[in-house]
């Protein structure tokens, strides 16, 4: 058996145990008398037991997963359809976008390109509103993610929209 090295004082733990005192002279103070109050029985309405309705998602649809975006950029995941919204006003653009997404989803496309244009001072109306429209609950159930397009597909003036699989 090898001898152990001496333990440094700072490494030693106190082995003293704390033992409760059994002295009777440390009596606890008496509790003041409490008054009993009658409580009415609790009645639950079945409506109260239902879980609250989930809040609708407000923000834009989530970003496309990085690997999936790379596959779309390199066209390993083909862009199934393209929508160019140049020259449309907001109402026309929204209606066209909704119809386009529904049609692309029903045809089984997995990725589409939506070209909005950049706008005059870099903040075009369609460019800023399109992500909001894509976050609409009626479309959100079909959309897996949205991301700015690569330069070769339109850059900041276009969006990749990844669609979920049809069930």
N, C-alpha and C. Protein backbone atom coordinates (compact mmCIF):
# COMPACT_ATOMS: atom_id res chain seq x y z
N UNK A 1 0.84 -1.17 0.00
CA UNK A 1 0.00 0.00 0.00
C UNK A 1 0.89 1.24 0.00
N UNK A 2 0.54 2.21 -0.86
CA UNK A 2 1.37 3.41 -0.96
C UNK A 2 0.87 4.44 0.04
N UNK A 3 1.76 5.14 0.64
CA UNK A 3 1.33 6.17 1.61
C UNK A 3 0.70 7.35 0.88
N UNK A 4 -0.27 7.92 1.52
CA UNK A 4 -0.95 9.08 0.94
C UNK A 4 -0.21 10.35 1.27
N UNK A 5 -0.31 11.31 0.35
CA UNK A 5 0.31 12.60 0.59
C UNK A 5 -0.52 13.35 1.62
N UNK A 6 0.11 14.15 2.45
CA UNK A 6 -0.67 14.90 3.45
C UNK A 6 -1.62 15.89 2.76
N UNK A 7 -2.76 16.07 3.37
CA UNK A 7 -3.78 16.96 2.82
C UNK A 7 -3.48 18.38 3.27
N UNK A 8 -3.56 19.31 2.32
CA UNK A 8 -3.30 20.70 2.64
C UNK A 8 -4.46 21.24 3.48
N UNK A 9 -4.17 22.15 4.38
CA UNK A 9 -5.24 22.65 5.27
C UNK A 9 -6.41 23.29 4.51
N UNK A 10 -6.13 23.97 3.41
CA UNK A 10 -7.23 24.61 2.68
C UNK A 10 -8.12 23.60 1.97
N UNK A 11 -7.62 22.37 1.79
CA UNK A 11 -8.40 21.33 1.13
C UNK A 11 -9.22 20.51 2.12
N UNK A 12 -8.91 20.67 3.39
CA UNK A 12 -9.60 19.87 4.40
C UNK A 12 -11.01 20.40 4.63
N UNK A 13 -11.91 19.49 4.82
CA UNK A 13 -13.27 19.86 5.16
C UNK A 13 -13.48 19.60 6.64
N UNK A 14 -14.29 20.40 7.17
CA UNK A 14 -14.59 20.21 8.58
C UNK A 14 -15.44 18.96 8.72
N UNK A 15 -15.03 18.10 9.60
CA UNK A 15 -15.77 16.87 9.82
C UNK A 15 -16.65 16.97 11.05
N UNK A 16 -16.67 18.12 11.63
CA UNK A 16 -17.51 18.30 12.81
C UNK A 16 -18.97 18.25 12.38
N UNK A 17 -19.74 17.51 13.12
CA UNK A 17 -21.15 17.38 12.80
C UNK A 17 -21.95 18.30 13.71
N UNK A 18 -23.02 18.77 13.14
CA UNK A 18 -23.91 19.60 13.93
C UNK A 18 -24.96 18.68 14.52
N UNK A 19 -25.07 18.71 15.81
CA UNK A 19 -26.04 17.86 16.48
C UNK A 19 -27.08 18.75 17.14
N UNK A 20 -28.34 18.36 17.01
CA UNK A 20 -29.38 19.18 17.64
C UNK A 20 -29.27 19.11 19.16
N UNK A 21 -29.57 20.23 19.74
CA UNK A 21 -29.54 20.30 21.19
C UNK A 21 -30.83 19.69 21.73
N UNK A 22 -30.72 18.95 22.75
CA UNK A 22 -31.89 18.31 23.34
C UNK A 22 -32.34 19.03 24.60
N UNK A 23 -31.91 20.25 24.77
CA UNK A 23 -32.27 21.01 25.96
C UNK A 23 -33.74 21.37 25.91
N UNK A 24 -34.39 21.30 27.01
CA UNK A 24 -35.82 21.61 27.09
C UNK A 24 -36.06 23.08 27.35
N UNK A 25 -35.03 23.83 27.68
CA UNK A 25 -35.24 25.24 28.02
C UNK A 25 -35.43 26.13 26.79
N UNK A 26 -35.28 25.63 25.59
CA UNK A 26 -35.48 26.42 24.38
C UNK A 26 -36.85 26.13 23.80
N UNK A 27 -37.87 26.46 24.49
CA UNK A 27 -39.24 26.21 24.04
C UNK A 27 -39.62 27.23 22.97
N UNK A 28 -40.42 26.79 22.04
CA UNK A 28 -40.90 27.67 20.98
C UNK A 28 -42.03 28.53 21.52
N UNK A 29 -42.15 29.77 21.00
CA UNK A 29 -43.26 30.60 21.47
C UNK A 29 -44.58 30.00 21.01
N UNK A 30 -45.58 30.18 21.81
CA UNK A 30 -46.91 29.64 21.48
C UNK A 30 -47.51 30.45 20.34
N UNK A 31 -48.17 29.75 19.42
CA UNK A 31 -48.83 30.42 18.30
C UNK A 31 -50.09 31.12 18.80
N UNK A 32 -50.36 32.31 18.24
CA UNK A 32 -51.61 32.96 18.64
C UNK A 32 -52.78 32.13 18.13
N UNK A 33 -53.89 32.14 18.82
CA UNK A 33 -55.03 31.35 18.37
C UNK A 33 -55.51 31.84 17.00
N UNK A 34 -55.82 30.91 16.13
CA UNK A 34 -56.30 31.28 14.79
C UNK A 34 -57.80 31.12 14.74
N UNK A 35 -58.43 31.98 13.94
CA UNK A 35 -59.88 31.90 13.78
C UNK A 35 -60.18 31.09 12.54
N UNK A 36 -61.13 30.24 12.63
CA UNK A 36 -61.56 29.46 11.49
C UNK A 36 -62.59 30.25 10.71
N UNK A 37 -62.40 30.32 9.43
CA UNK A 37 -63.33 31.04 8.56
C UNK A 37 -63.95 30.02 7.63
N UNK A 38 -65.24 30.09 7.48
CA UNK A 38 -65.89 29.14 6.57
C UNK A 38 -65.64 29.60 5.13
N UNK A 39 -65.33 28.64 4.29
CA UNK A 39 -65.04 28.92 2.89
C UNK A 39 -66.13 28.29 2.04
N UNK A 40 -66.64 29.08 1.11
CA UNK A 40 -67.69 28.57 0.22
C UNK A 40 -67.09 27.52 -0.71
N UNK A 41 -67.85 26.49 -1.03
CA UNK A 41 -67.32 25.47 -1.95
C UNK A 41 -67.01 26.08 -3.31
N UNK A 42 -65.95 25.60 -3.90
CA UNK A 42 -65.50 26.10 -5.20
C UNK A 42 -66.26 25.38 -6.30
N UNK A 43 -66.86 26.12 -7.18
CA UNK A 43 -67.60 25.53 -8.29
C UNK A 43 -66.91 25.93 -9.58
N UNK A 44 -66.57 24.94 -10.37
CA UNK A 44 -65.88 25.20 -11.64
C UNK A 44 -66.85 25.04 -12.79
N UNK A 45 -66.76 26.00 -13.68
CA UNK A 45 -67.54 25.94 -14.90
C UNK A 45 -66.72 25.15 -15.93
N UNK A 46 -67.33 24.23 -16.68
CA UNK A 46 -66.56 23.47 -17.69
C UNK A 46 -65.83 24.38 -18.68
N UNK A 47 -66.35 25.56 -18.93
CA UNK A 47 -65.68 26.49 -19.85
C UNK A 47 -64.35 26.96 -19.28
N UNK A 48 -64.26 27.04 -17.93
CA UNK A 48 -63.02 27.49 -17.30
C UNK A 48 -61.91 26.44 -17.43
N UNK A 49 -62.28 25.19 -17.61
CA UNK A 49 -61.30 24.11 -17.67
C UNK A 49 -60.67 23.96 -19.04
N UNK A 50 -61.25 24.57 -20.06
CA UNK A 50 -60.70 24.44 -21.41
C UNK A 50 -59.41 25.23 -21.52
N UNK A 51 -58.48 24.71 -22.28
CA UNK A 51 -57.21 25.41 -22.51
C UNK A 51 -57.47 26.64 -23.37
N UNK A 52 -56.76 27.73 -23.10
CA UNK A 52 -56.96 28.91 -23.93
C UNK A 52 -56.55 28.64 -25.37
N UNK A 53 -57.22 29.32 -26.28
CA UNK A 53 -56.91 29.15 -27.70
C UNK A 53 -55.49 29.64 -27.96
N UNK A 54 -54.72 28.94 -28.79
CA UNK A 54 -53.36 29.40 -29.08
C UNK A 54 -53.39 30.73 -29.81
N UNK A 55 -52.42 31.56 -29.46
CA UNK A 55 -52.34 32.87 -30.11
C UNK A 55 -51.84 32.68 -31.54
N UNK A 56 -52.43 33.38 -32.48
CA UNK A 56 -51.94 33.26 -33.86
C UNK A 56 -50.54 33.83 -33.97
N UNK A 57 -49.74 33.22 -34.81
CA UNK A 57 -48.38 33.69 -35.02
C UNK A 57 -48.43 35.01 -35.78
N UNK A 58 -47.75 36.02 -35.24
CA UNK A 58 -47.84 37.33 -35.86
C UNK A 58 -46.65 37.66 -36.74
N UNK A 59 -45.47 37.28 -36.33
CA UNK A 59 -44.27 37.68 -37.06
C UNK A 59 -44.16 36.99 -38.40
N UNK A 60 -43.15 37.37 -39.15
CA UNK A 60 -42.96 36.72 -40.45
C UNK A 60 -42.63 35.25 -40.26
N UNK A 61 -42.87 34.49 -41.31
CA UNK A 61 -42.54 33.06 -41.24
C UNK A 61 -41.05 32.93 -40.95
N UNK A 62 -40.67 31.84 -40.33
CA UNK A 62 -39.28 31.64 -39.95
C UNK A 62 -38.35 31.61 -41.14
N UNK A 63 -37.07 31.76 -40.85
CA UNK A 63 -36.06 31.70 -41.92
C UNK A 63 -35.91 30.26 -42.41
N UNK A 64 -35.47 30.14 -43.62
CA UNK A 64 -35.20 28.83 -44.20
C UNK A 64 -33.95 28.27 -43.53
N UNK A 65 -33.95 26.98 -43.25
CA UNK A 65 -32.77 26.34 -42.66
C UNK A 65 -31.57 26.57 -43.59
N UNK A 66 -30.39 26.84 -43.02
CA UNK A 66 -29.22 27.16 -43.86
C UNK A 66 -28.90 26.12 -44.93
N UNK A 67 -28.96 24.84 -44.58
CA UNK A 67 -28.64 23.80 -45.58
C UNK A 67 -29.67 23.79 -46.71
N UNK A 68 -30.92 24.00 -46.35
CA UNK A 68 -31.96 24.00 -47.38
C UNK A 68 -31.80 25.23 -48.28
N UNK A 69 -31.46 26.37 -47.69
CA UNK A 69 -31.25 27.57 -48.51
C UNK A 69 -30.10 27.35 -49.48
N UNK A 70 -29.04 26.73 -49.02
CA UNK A 70 -27.89 26.45 -49.89
C UNK A 70 -28.30 25.55 -51.05
N UNK A 71 -29.14 24.56 -50.77
CA UNK A 71 -29.61 23.67 -51.85
C UNK A 71 -30.46 24.44 -52.85
N UNK A 72 -31.25 25.41 -52.36
CA UNK A 72 -32.07 26.22 -53.27
C UNK A 72 -31.18 27.12 -54.11
N UNK A 73 -30.20 27.77 -53.48
CA UNK A 73 -29.29 28.68 -54.19
C UNK A 73 -28.56 27.93 -55.29
N UNK A 74 -28.07 26.74 -54.97
CA UNK A 74 -27.32 25.96 -55.97
C UNK A 74 -28.24 25.16 -56.87
N UNK A 75 -29.52 25.34 -56.68
CA UNK A 75 -30.57 24.70 -57.48
C UNK A 75 -30.52 23.18 -57.42
N UNK A 76 -30.04 22.65 -56.30
CA UNK A 76 -30.16 21.21 -56.06
C UNK A 76 -31.59 20.91 -55.62
N UNK A 77 -32.18 21.87 -54.93
CA UNK A 77 -33.60 21.86 -54.60
C UNK A 77 -34.20 22.83 -55.61
N UNK A 78 -34.83 22.37 -56.67
CA UNK A 78 -35.21 23.28 -57.76
C UNK A 78 -36.27 24.30 -57.34
N UNK A 79 -36.14 25.48 -57.93
CA UNK A 79 -37.15 26.52 -57.73
C UNK A 79 -38.31 26.13 -58.64
N UNK A 80 -39.42 25.74 -58.04
CA UNK A 80 -40.55 25.20 -58.80
C UNK A 80 -41.30 26.22 -59.61
N UNK A 81 -41.37 27.46 -59.11
CA UNK A 81 -42.13 28.50 -59.82
C UNK A 81 -41.58 29.86 -59.41
N UNK A 82 -41.84 30.84 -60.26
CA UNK A 82 -41.39 32.22 -60.00
C UNK A 82 -42.56 33.16 -60.17
N UNK A 83 -42.63 34.16 -59.30
CA UNK A 83 -43.67 35.19 -59.39
C UNK A 83 -42.99 36.54 -59.41
N UNK A 84 -43.21 37.32 -60.46
CA UNK A 84 -42.66 38.67 -60.58
C UNK A 84 -43.78 39.66 -60.31
N UNK A 85 -43.65 40.44 -59.23
CA UNK A 85 -44.70 41.37 -58.83
C UNK A 85 -44.41 42.81 -59.25
N UNK A 86 -43.44 43.02 -60.13
CA UNK A 86 -43.17 44.37 -60.62
C UNK A 86 -44.43 44.95 -61.26
N UNK A 87 -44.73 46.20 -60.96
CA UNK A 87 -45.83 46.89 -61.61
C UNK A 87 -47.20 46.64 -60.98
N UNK A 88 -47.28 45.81 -59.94
CA UNK A 88 -48.57 45.56 -59.29
C UNK A 88 -48.74 46.49 -58.10
N UNK A 89 -50.00 46.90 -57.84
CA UNK A 89 -50.23 47.66 -56.61
C UNK A 89 -50.39 46.67 -55.46
N UNK A 90 -50.55 47.17 -54.23
CA UNK A 90 -50.58 46.30 -53.06
C UNK A 90 -51.70 45.27 -53.11
N UNK A 91 -52.90 45.70 -53.47
CA UNK A 91 -54.04 44.78 -53.49
C UNK A 91 -53.85 43.68 -54.53
N UNK A 92 -53.43 44.08 -55.72
CA UNK A 92 -53.18 43.08 -56.77
C UNK A 92 -52.06 42.13 -56.36
N UNK A 93 -51.00 42.70 -55.78
CA UNK A 93 -49.84 41.90 -55.40
C UNK A 93 -50.21 40.87 -54.33
N UNK A 94 -50.99 41.29 -53.34
CA UNK A 94 -51.36 40.35 -52.28
C UNK A 94 -52.23 39.21 -52.82
N UNK A 95 -53.23 39.56 -53.61
CA UNK A 95 -54.12 38.54 -54.18
C UNK A 95 -53.33 37.58 -55.07
N UNK A 96 -52.44 38.14 -55.88
CA UNK A 96 -51.62 37.31 -56.77
C UNK A 96 -50.69 36.40 -55.97
N UNK A 97 -50.08 36.95 -54.93
CA UNK A 97 -49.16 36.17 -54.08
C UNK A 97 -49.89 35.01 -53.41
N UNK A 98 -51.06 35.28 -52.83
CA UNK A 98 -51.81 34.22 -52.15
C UNK A 98 -52.20 33.11 -53.12
N UNK A 99 -52.69 33.50 -54.30
CA UNK A 99 -53.08 32.49 -55.30
C UNK A 99 -51.85 31.70 -55.76
N UNK A 100 -50.73 32.39 -55.94
CA UNK A 100 -49.49 31.75 -56.39
C UNK A 100 -49.00 30.72 -55.37
N UNK A 101 -48.98 31.09 -54.09
CA UNK A 101 -48.50 30.18 -53.05
C UNK A 101 -49.41 28.96 -52.95
N UNK A 102 -50.72 29.19 -52.99
CA UNK A 102 -51.67 28.06 -52.91
C UNK A 102 -51.50 27.10 -54.10
N UNK A 103 -51.33 27.68 -55.29
CA UNK A 103 -51.16 26.85 -56.49
C UNK A 103 -49.85 26.07 -56.43
N UNK A 104 -48.77 26.74 -56.03
CA UNK A 104 -47.47 26.07 -55.94
C UNK A 104 -47.51 24.95 -54.90
N UNK A 105 -48.17 25.19 -53.78
CA UNK A 105 -48.28 24.17 -52.74
C UNK A 105 -49.09 22.97 -53.23
N UNK A 106 -50.20 23.27 -53.91
CA UNK A 106 -51.05 22.17 -54.40
C UNK A 106 -50.36 21.36 -55.50
N UNK A 107 -49.45 22.00 -56.24
CA UNK A 107 -48.71 21.29 -57.28
C UNK A 107 -47.50 20.54 -56.73
N UNK A 108 -47.25 20.69 -55.43
CA UNK A 108 -46.17 19.94 -54.80
C UNK A 108 -44.80 20.58 -54.89
N UNK A 109 -44.71 21.86 -55.28
CA UNK A 109 -43.41 22.53 -55.33
C UNK A 109 -42.88 22.68 -53.91
N UNK A 110 -41.56 22.59 -53.76
CA UNK A 110 -40.94 22.71 -52.44
C UNK A 110 -40.30 24.06 -52.21
N UNK A 111 -39.99 24.78 -53.30
CA UNK A 111 -39.40 26.11 -53.19
C UNK A 111 -39.86 26.96 -54.35
N UNK A 112 -40.17 28.22 -54.06
CA UNK A 112 -40.57 29.16 -55.11
C UNK A 112 -39.80 30.46 -54.91
N UNK A 113 -39.75 31.25 -55.96
CA UNK A 113 -39.07 32.54 -55.93
C UNK A 113 -40.10 33.63 -56.13
N UNK A 114 -40.15 34.58 -55.21
CA UNK A 114 -41.07 35.72 -55.31
C UNK A 114 -40.22 36.96 -55.53
N UNK A 115 -40.38 37.60 -56.69
CA UNK A 115 -39.60 38.79 -57.03
C UNK A 115 -40.45 40.01 -56.74
N UNK A 116 -40.01 40.82 -55.77
CA UNK A 116 -40.76 42.01 -55.37
C UNK A 116 -40.16 43.27 -55.96
N UNK A 117 -38.89 43.26 -56.24
CA UNK A 117 -38.19 44.48 -56.63
C UNK A 117 -37.71 45.19 -55.38
N UNK A 118 -36.74 46.08 -55.53
CA UNK A 118 -36.17 46.76 -54.38
C UNK A 118 -36.94 48.01 -53.98
N UNK A 119 -37.65 48.60 -54.90
CA UNK A 119 -38.28 49.88 -54.59
C UNK A 119 -37.35 51.02 -54.94
N UNK A 120 -37.86 52.22 -54.80
CA UNK A 120 -37.08 53.38 -55.25
C UNK A 120 -35.94 53.75 -54.32
N UNK A 121 -36.15 53.75 -53.03
CA UNK A 121 -35.09 54.17 -52.11
C UNK A 121 -34.62 52.97 -51.28
N UNK A 122 -34.79 51.79 -51.81
CA UNK A 122 -34.36 50.60 -51.10
C UNK A 122 -35.41 50.04 -50.15
N UNK A 123 -36.50 50.74 -49.95
CA UNK A 123 -37.57 50.26 -49.07
C UNK A 123 -38.88 50.26 -49.83
N UNK A 124 -38.98 49.44 -50.84
CA UNK A 124 -40.19 49.35 -51.63
C UNK A 124 -41.36 48.82 -50.80
N UNK A 125 -42.55 49.22 -51.18
CA UNK A 125 -43.75 48.81 -50.46
C UNK A 125 -43.94 47.30 -50.55
N UNK A 126 -43.83 46.75 -51.75
CA UNK A 126 -44.02 45.31 -51.91
C UNK A 126 -42.93 44.52 -51.19
N UNK A 127 -41.73 45.06 -51.20
CA UNK A 127 -40.61 44.38 -50.56
C UNK A 127 -40.82 44.27 -49.05
N UNK A 128 -41.37 45.32 -48.45
CA UNK A 128 -41.58 45.29 -47.00
C UNK A 128 -42.87 44.56 -46.62
N UNK A 129 -43.88 44.61 -47.46
CA UNK A 129 -45.17 44.00 -47.12
C UNK A 129 -45.23 42.50 -47.42
N UNK A 130 -44.48 42.02 -48.38
CA UNK A 130 -44.56 40.61 -48.76
C UNK A 130 -44.28 39.66 -47.59
N UNK A 131 -43.24 39.86 -46.77
CA UNK A 131 -43.06 38.96 -45.62
C UNK A 131 -44.24 38.99 -44.66
N UNK A 132 -44.88 40.15 -44.51
CA UNK A 132 -46.07 40.24 -43.65
C UNK A 132 -47.20 39.41 -44.24
N UNK A 133 -47.39 39.48 -45.54
CA UNK A 133 -48.45 38.71 -46.19
C UNK A 133 -48.18 37.22 -46.07
N UNK A 134 -46.91 36.84 -46.19
CA UNK A 134 -46.56 35.42 -46.08
C UNK A 134 -46.74 34.90 -44.65
N UNK A 135 -46.75 35.80 -43.67
CA UNK A 135 -46.96 35.40 -42.27
C UNK A 135 -48.43 35.25 -41.93
N UNK A 136 -49.32 35.57 -42.86
CA UNK A 136 -50.76 35.44 -42.63
C UNK A 136 -51.08 33.99 -42.26
N UNK A 137 -51.92 33.76 -41.25
CA UNK A 137 -52.21 32.38 -40.83
C UNK A 137 -52.73 31.48 -41.94
N UNK A 138 -53.44 32.03 -42.90
CA UNK A 138 -53.96 31.19 -43.98
C UNK A 138 -52.84 30.66 -44.88
N UNK A 139 -51.75 31.40 -45.01
CA UNK A 139 -50.61 30.94 -45.82
C UNK A 139 -49.54 30.26 -44.98
N UNK A 140 -49.46 30.63 -43.74
CA UNK A 140 -48.38 30.15 -42.88
C UNK A 140 -48.37 28.63 -42.76
N UNK A 141 -49.53 28.01 -42.84
CA UNK A 141 -49.58 26.55 -42.72
C UNK A 141 -48.94 25.84 -43.91
N UNK A 142 -48.68 26.57 -44.99
CA UNK A 142 -48.06 25.98 -46.18
C UNK A 142 -46.58 26.32 -46.29
N UNK A 143 -46.13 27.32 -45.53
CA UNK A 143 -44.78 27.87 -45.69
C UNK A 143 -43.85 27.37 -44.59
N UNK A 144 -42.71 26.82 -45.00
CA UNK A 144 -41.70 26.35 -44.05
C UNK A 144 -40.75 27.47 -43.66
N UNK A 145 -40.48 28.41 -44.56
CA UNK A 145 -39.57 29.49 -44.26
C UNK A 145 -39.44 30.46 -45.42
N UNK A 146 -38.92 31.65 -45.09
CA UNK A 146 -38.74 32.71 -46.08
C UNK A 146 -37.34 33.28 -45.88
N UNK A 147 -36.66 33.57 -46.98
CA UNK A 147 -35.32 34.12 -46.89
C UNK A 147 -35.03 34.99 -48.11
N UNK A 148 -34.15 35.97 -47.93
CA UNK A 148 -33.73 36.81 -49.05
C UNK A 148 -33.01 35.95 -50.08
N UNK A 149 -33.26 36.23 -51.34
CA UNK A 149 -32.68 35.43 -52.42
C UNK A 149 -31.20 35.75 -52.62
N UNK A 150 -30.51 34.82 -53.24
CA UNK A 150 -29.12 35.01 -53.63
C UNK A 150 -29.06 36.03 -54.76
N UNK A 151 -27.88 36.64 -54.95
CA UNK A 151 -27.72 37.68 -55.97
C UNK A 151 -28.12 37.22 -57.36
N UNK A 152 -27.81 35.98 -57.70
CA UNK A 152 -28.13 35.50 -59.05
C UNK A 152 -29.63 35.31 -59.27
N UNK A 153 -30.41 35.28 -58.18
CA UNK A 153 -31.86 35.12 -58.30
C UNK A 153 -32.63 36.40 -57.98
N UNK A 154 -31.94 37.50 -57.81
CA UNK A 154 -32.63 38.77 -57.56
C UNK A 154 -32.18 39.48 -56.31
N UNK A 155 -31.36 38.85 -55.50
CA UNK A 155 -30.80 39.50 -54.31
C UNK A 155 -31.85 40.02 -53.36
N UNK A 156 -31.65 41.26 -52.91
CA UNK A 156 -32.55 41.86 -51.93
C UNK A 156 -33.94 42.15 -52.49
N UNK A 157 -34.08 42.10 -53.78
CA UNK A 157 -35.39 42.36 -54.39
C UNK A 157 -36.20 41.10 -54.64
N UNK A 158 -35.76 39.97 -54.05
CA UNK A 158 -36.49 38.72 -54.25
C UNK A 158 -36.41 37.88 -52.98
N UNK A 159 -37.35 36.97 -52.84
CA UNK A 159 -37.42 36.09 -51.68
C UNK A 159 -37.54 34.64 -52.11
N UNK A 160 -36.81 33.77 -51.41
CA UNK A 160 -37.05 32.35 -51.54
C UNK A 160 -38.16 32.02 -50.54
N UNK A 161 -39.13 31.25 -50.98
CA UNK A 161 -40.18 30.77 -50.08
C UNK A 161 -40.12 29.25 -50.12
N UNK A 162 -39.74 28.66 -48.98
CA UNK A 162 -39.70 27.20 -48.88
C UNK A 162 -41.09 26.73 -48.44
N UNK A 163 -41.63 25.78 -49.18
CA UNK A 163 -42.97 25.28 -48.88
C UNK A 163 -42.88 23.94 -48.15
N UNK A 164 -43.86 23.69 -47.31
CA UNK A 164 -43.92 22.41 -46.59
C UNK A 164 -44.39 21.32 -47.54
N UNK A 165 -44.18 20.10 -47.13
CA UNK A 165 -44.67 18.96 -47.91
C UNK A 165 -46.17 18.84 -47.74
N UNK A 166 -46.83 18.42 -48.83
CA UNK A 166 -48.26 18.16 -48.73
C UNK A 166 -48.47 16.88 -47.95
N UNK A 167 -49.51 16.86 -47.17
CA UNK A 167 -49.80 15.66 -46.37
C UNK A 167 -50.78 14.78 -47.07
